[in-house]
Amino acid sequence: MDEVGRQDPDTVAIVEAALIVEAGAAKRFDRLLVVTCQPEQRIQRWAARTKVDEESARREITRRLAAQIPDEEKIKLAAFVIDNSGSLDDTKRQVERIYNQLRREAGTHTP
């Protein structure tokens, strides 16, 4: 990340890391963005993605969430939150708004 910033101080680099807060690595980044959705949606999406029944998906999601800091706590640390509970178009609009804001902020960077 540092090398990317040295090459172009106005760039926006994004790192996808599900456990960044739990690993204590959030402070290594300029901004934290949290993506969240409703608990039932997580289960349904996991079941569809992994092609398992909803009860198996519920057990797996419950196990995973138990190992993570609750979304409410992550949201307190976040500069941005994307609510992925709605339509794909709604999520895309949120992403575009945040990305455009980050681009504007990066463009005002002064070395």
C-alpha atoms as a PDB file:
ATOM      1  CA  MET A   1       0.000   0.000   0.000  1.00  0.00           C
ATOM      2  CA  ASP A   2       2.788   2.423   0.819  1.00  0.00           C
ATOM      3  CA  GLU A   3       4.391   1.786  -2.554  1.00  0.00           C
ATOM      4  CA  VAL A   4       1.103   2.474  -4.342  1.00  0.00           C
ATOM      5  CA  GLY A   5       0.788   5.745  -2.447  1.00  0.00           C
ATOM      6  CA  ARG A   6       4.328   6.775  -3.325  1.00  0.00           C
ATOM      7  CA  GLN A   7       3.721   6.079  -7.002  1.00  0.00           C
ATOM      8  CA  ASP A   8       0.459   8.049  -7.096  1.00  0.00           C
ATOM      9  CA  PRO A   9      -0.526   9.971  -3.963  1.00  0.00           C
ATOM     10  CA  ASP A  10      -3.963  10.661  -5.468  1.00  0.00           C
ATOM     11  CA  THR A  11      -4.867   7.006  -5.966  1.00  0.00           C
ATOM     12  CA  VAL A  12      -7.519   5.076  -4.079  1.00  0.00           C
ATOM     13  CA  ALA A  13      -6.494   1.561  -3.056  1.00  0.00           C
ATOM     14  CA  ILE A  14      -9.017  -0.805  -1.520  1.00  0.00           C
ATOM     15  CA  VAL A  15      -8.204  -3.908   0.512  1.00  0.00           C
ATOM     16  CA  GLU A  16     -10.932  -6.503   1.092  1.00  0.00           C
ATOM     17  CA  ALA A  17     -10.330  -8.180   4.425  1.00  0.00           C
ATOM     18  CA  ALA A  18     -13.200  -9.634   6.434  1.00  0.00           C
ATOM     19  CA  LEU A  19     -11.332  -9.786   9.753  1.00  0.00           C
ATOM     20  CA  ILE A  20      -9.318  -6.566   9.590  1.00  0.00           C
ATOM     21  CA  VAL A  21     -10.714  -5.230  12.883  1.00  0.00           C
ATOM     22  CA  GLU A  22     -10.340  -8.562  14.666  1.00  0.00           C
ATOM     23  CA  ALA A  23      -6.715  -8.786  13.510  1.00  0.00           C
ATOM     24  CA  GLY A  24      -5.989  -5.330  14.922  1.00  0.00           C
ATOM     25  CA  ALA A  25      -4.962  -4.110  11.468  1.00  0.00           C
ATOM     26  CA  ALA A  26      -7.573  -1.377  10.942  1.00  0.00           C
ATOM     27  CA  LYS A  27      -5.168   1.309  12.152  1.00  0.00           C
ATOM     28  CA  ARG A  28      -2.888   0.530   9.187  1.00  0.00           C
ATOM     29  CA  PHE A  29      -5.455   2.032   6.811  1.00  0.00           C
ATOM     30  CA  ASP A  30      -6.728   5.545   6.245  1.00  0.00           C
ATOM     31  CA  ARG A  31     -10.395   4.566   6.242  1.00  0.00           C
ATOM     32  CA  LEU A  32     -12.450   1.574   7.275  1.00  0.00           C
ATOM     33  CA  LEU A  33     -15.498   0.624   5.230  1.00  0.00           C
ATOM     34  CA  VAL A  34     -17.927  -1.916   6.672  1.00  0.00           C
ATOM     35  CA  VAL A  35     -20.388  -3.831   4.502  1.00  0.00           C
ATOM     36  CA  THR A  36     -23.354  -5.277   6.323  1.00  0.00           C
ATOM     37  CA  CYS A  37     -26.737  -6.873   5.697  1.00  0.00           C
ATOM     38  CA  GLN A  38     -29.536  -8.446   7.675  1.00  0.00           C
ATOM     39  CA  PRO A  39     -28.651 -11.695   9.523  1.00  0.00           C
ATOM     40  CA  GLU A  40     -31.226 -13.762   7.604  1.00  0.00           C
ATOM     41  CA  GLN A  41     -29.795 -12.503   4.330  1.00  0.00           C
ATOM     42  CA  ARG A  42     -26.344 -13.704   5.336  1.00  0.00           C
ATOM     43  CA  ILE A  43     -27.744 -17.160   5.914  1.00  0.00           C
ATOM     44  CA  GLN A  44     -29.713 -17.233   2.659  1.00  0.00           C
ATOM     45  CA  ARG A  45     -26.787 -15.908   0.654  1.00  0.00           C
ATOM     46  CA  TRP A  46     -24.374 -18.409   2.191  1.00  0.00           C
ATOM     47  CA  ALA A  47     -26.790 -21.262   1.479  1.00  0.00           C
ATOM     48  CA  ALA A  48     -27.152 -20.178  -2.142  1.00  0.00           C
ATOM     49  CA  ARG A  49     -23.420 -19.588  -2.655  1.00  0.00           C
ATOM     50  CA  THR A  50     -22.307 -22.871  -1.107  1.00  0.00           C
ATOM     51  CA  LYS A  51     -25.345 -24.879  -2.225  1.00  0.00           C
ATOM     52  CA  VAL A  52     -26.198 -26.098   1.279  1.00  0.00           C
ATOM     53  CA  ASP A  53     -29.525 -26.140   3.078  1.00  0.00           C
ATOM     54  CA  GLU A  54     -30.480 -23.135   5.188  1.00  0.00           C
ATOM     55  CA  GLU A  55     -30.008 -24.955   8.507  1.00  0.00           C
ATOM     56  CA  SER A  56     -26.405 -25.860   7.604  1.00  0.00           C
ATOM     57  CA  ALA A  57     -25.866 -22.296   6.444  1.00  0.00           C
ATOM     58  CA  ARG A  58     -27.336 -20.984   9.721  1.00  0.00           C
ATOM     59  CA  ARG A  59     -24.892 -23.103  11.759  1.00  0.00           C
ATOM     60  CA  GLU A  60     -21.931 -21.919   9.667  1.00  0.00           C
ATOM     61  CA  ILE A  61     -22.899 -18.249   9.769  1.00  0.00           C
ATOM     62  CA  THR A  62     -23.512 -18.463  13.511  1.00  0.00           C
ATOM     63  CA  ARG A  63     -20.069 -20.050  13.987  1.00  0.00           C
ATOM     64  CA  ARG A  64     -18.382 -17.387  11.864  1.00  0.00           C
ATOM     65  CA  LEU A  65     -20.156 -14.497  13.538  1.00  0.00           C
ATOM     66  CA  ALA A  66     -19.192 -15.813  16.963  1.00  0.00           C
ATOM     67  CA  ALA A  67     -15.537 -15.382  15.956  1.00  0.00           C
ATOM     68  CA  GLN A  68     -16.062 -11.800  14.806  1.00  0.00           C
ATOM     69  CA  ILE A  69     -16.635  -8.460  16.437  1.00  0.00           C
ATOM     70  CA  PRO A  70     -20.336  -7.559  16.044  1.00  0.00           C
ATOM     71  CA  ASP A  71     -21.188  -5.302  13.108  1.00  0.00           C
ATOM     72  CA  GLU A  72     -22.421  -2.635  15.517  1.00  0.00           C
ATOM     73  CA  GLU A  73     -18.905  -2.327  16.973  1.00  0.00           C
ATOM     74  CA  LYS A  74     -17.241  -2.325  13.553  1.00  0.00           C
ATOM     75  CA  ILE A  75     -19.650   0.367  12.378  1.00  0.00           C
ATOM     76  CA  LYS A  76     -18.505   2.597  15.242  1.00  0.00           C
ATOM     77  CA  LEU A  77     -14.959   2.382  13.828  1.00  0.00           C
ATOM     78  CA  ALA A  78     -15.981   2.826  10.200  1.00  0.00           C
ATOM     79  CA  ALA A  79     -15.662   5.922   8.079  1.00  0.00           C
ATOM     80  CA  PHE A  80     -18.204   4.411   5.668  1.00  0.00           C
ATOM     81  CA  VAL A  81     -20.928   1.785   5.892  1.00  0.00           C
ATOM     82  CA  ILE A  82     -22.556   0.000   2.985  1.00  0.00           C
ATOM     83  CA  ASP A  83     -25.899  -1.591   3.768  1.00  0.00           C
ATOM     84  CA  ASN A  84     -25.999  -4.561   1.419  1.00  0.00           C
ATOM     85  CA  SER A  85     -29.550  -5.527   2.457  1.00  0.00           C
ATOM     86  CA  GLY A  86     -31.280  -3.963  -0.521  1.00  0.00           C
ATOM     87  CA  SER A  87     -31.069  -4.431  -4.238  1.00  0.00           C
ATOM     88  CA  LEU A  88     -27.848  -4.784  -6.178  1.00  0.00           C
ATOM     89  CA  ASP A  89     -28.535  -1.377  -7.752  1.00  0.00           C
ATOM     90  CA  ASP A  90     -28.898   0.197  -4.311  1.00  0.00           C
ATOM     91  CA  THR A  91     -25.597  -1.342  -3.197  1.00  0.00           C
ATOM     92  CA  LYS A  92     -23.891  -0.139  -6.390  1.00  0.00           C
ATOM     93  CA  ARG A  93     -25.129   3.409  -5.729  1.00  0.00           C
ATOM     94  CA  GLN A  94     -23.680   3.322  -2.225  1.00  0.00           C
ATOM     95  CA  VAL A  95     -20.347   2.032  -3.523  1.00  0.00           C
ATOM     96  CA  GLU A  96     -20.216   4.694  -6.242  1.00  0.00           C
ATOM     97  CA  ARG A  97     -20.995   7.477  -3.757  1.00  0.00           C
ATOM     98  CA  ILE A  98     -18.253   6.345  -1.394  1.00  0.00           C
ATOM     99  CA  TYR A  99     -15.736   5.759  -4.169  1.00  0.00           C
ATOM    100  CA  ASN A 100     -16.411   9.208  -5.624  1.00  0.00           C
ATOM    101  CA  GLN A 101     -15.938  10.771  -2.205  1.00  0.00           C
ATOM    102  CA  LEU A 102     -12.640   8.911  -1.740  1.00  0.00           C
ATOM    103  CA  ARG A 103     -11.488  10.042  -5.203  1.00  0.00           C
ATOM    104  CA  ARG A 104     -12.316  13.659  -4.343  1.00  0.00           C
ATOM    105  CA  GLU A 105     -10.422  13.380  -1.058  1.00  0.00           C
ATOM    106  CA  ALA A 106      -7.463  11.708  -2.749  1.00  0.00           C
ATOM    107  CA  GLY A 107      -7.405  14.465  -5.385  1.00  0.00           C
ATOM    108  CA  THR A 108      -7.007  17.066  -2.661  1.00  0.00           C
ATOM    109  CA  HIS A 109      -3.985  15.252  -1.225  1.00  0.00           C
ATOM    110  CA  THR A 110      -1.000  17.503  -0.716  1.00  0.00           C
ATOM    111  CA  PRO A 111       2.433  15.916  -0.183  1.00  0.00           C
END
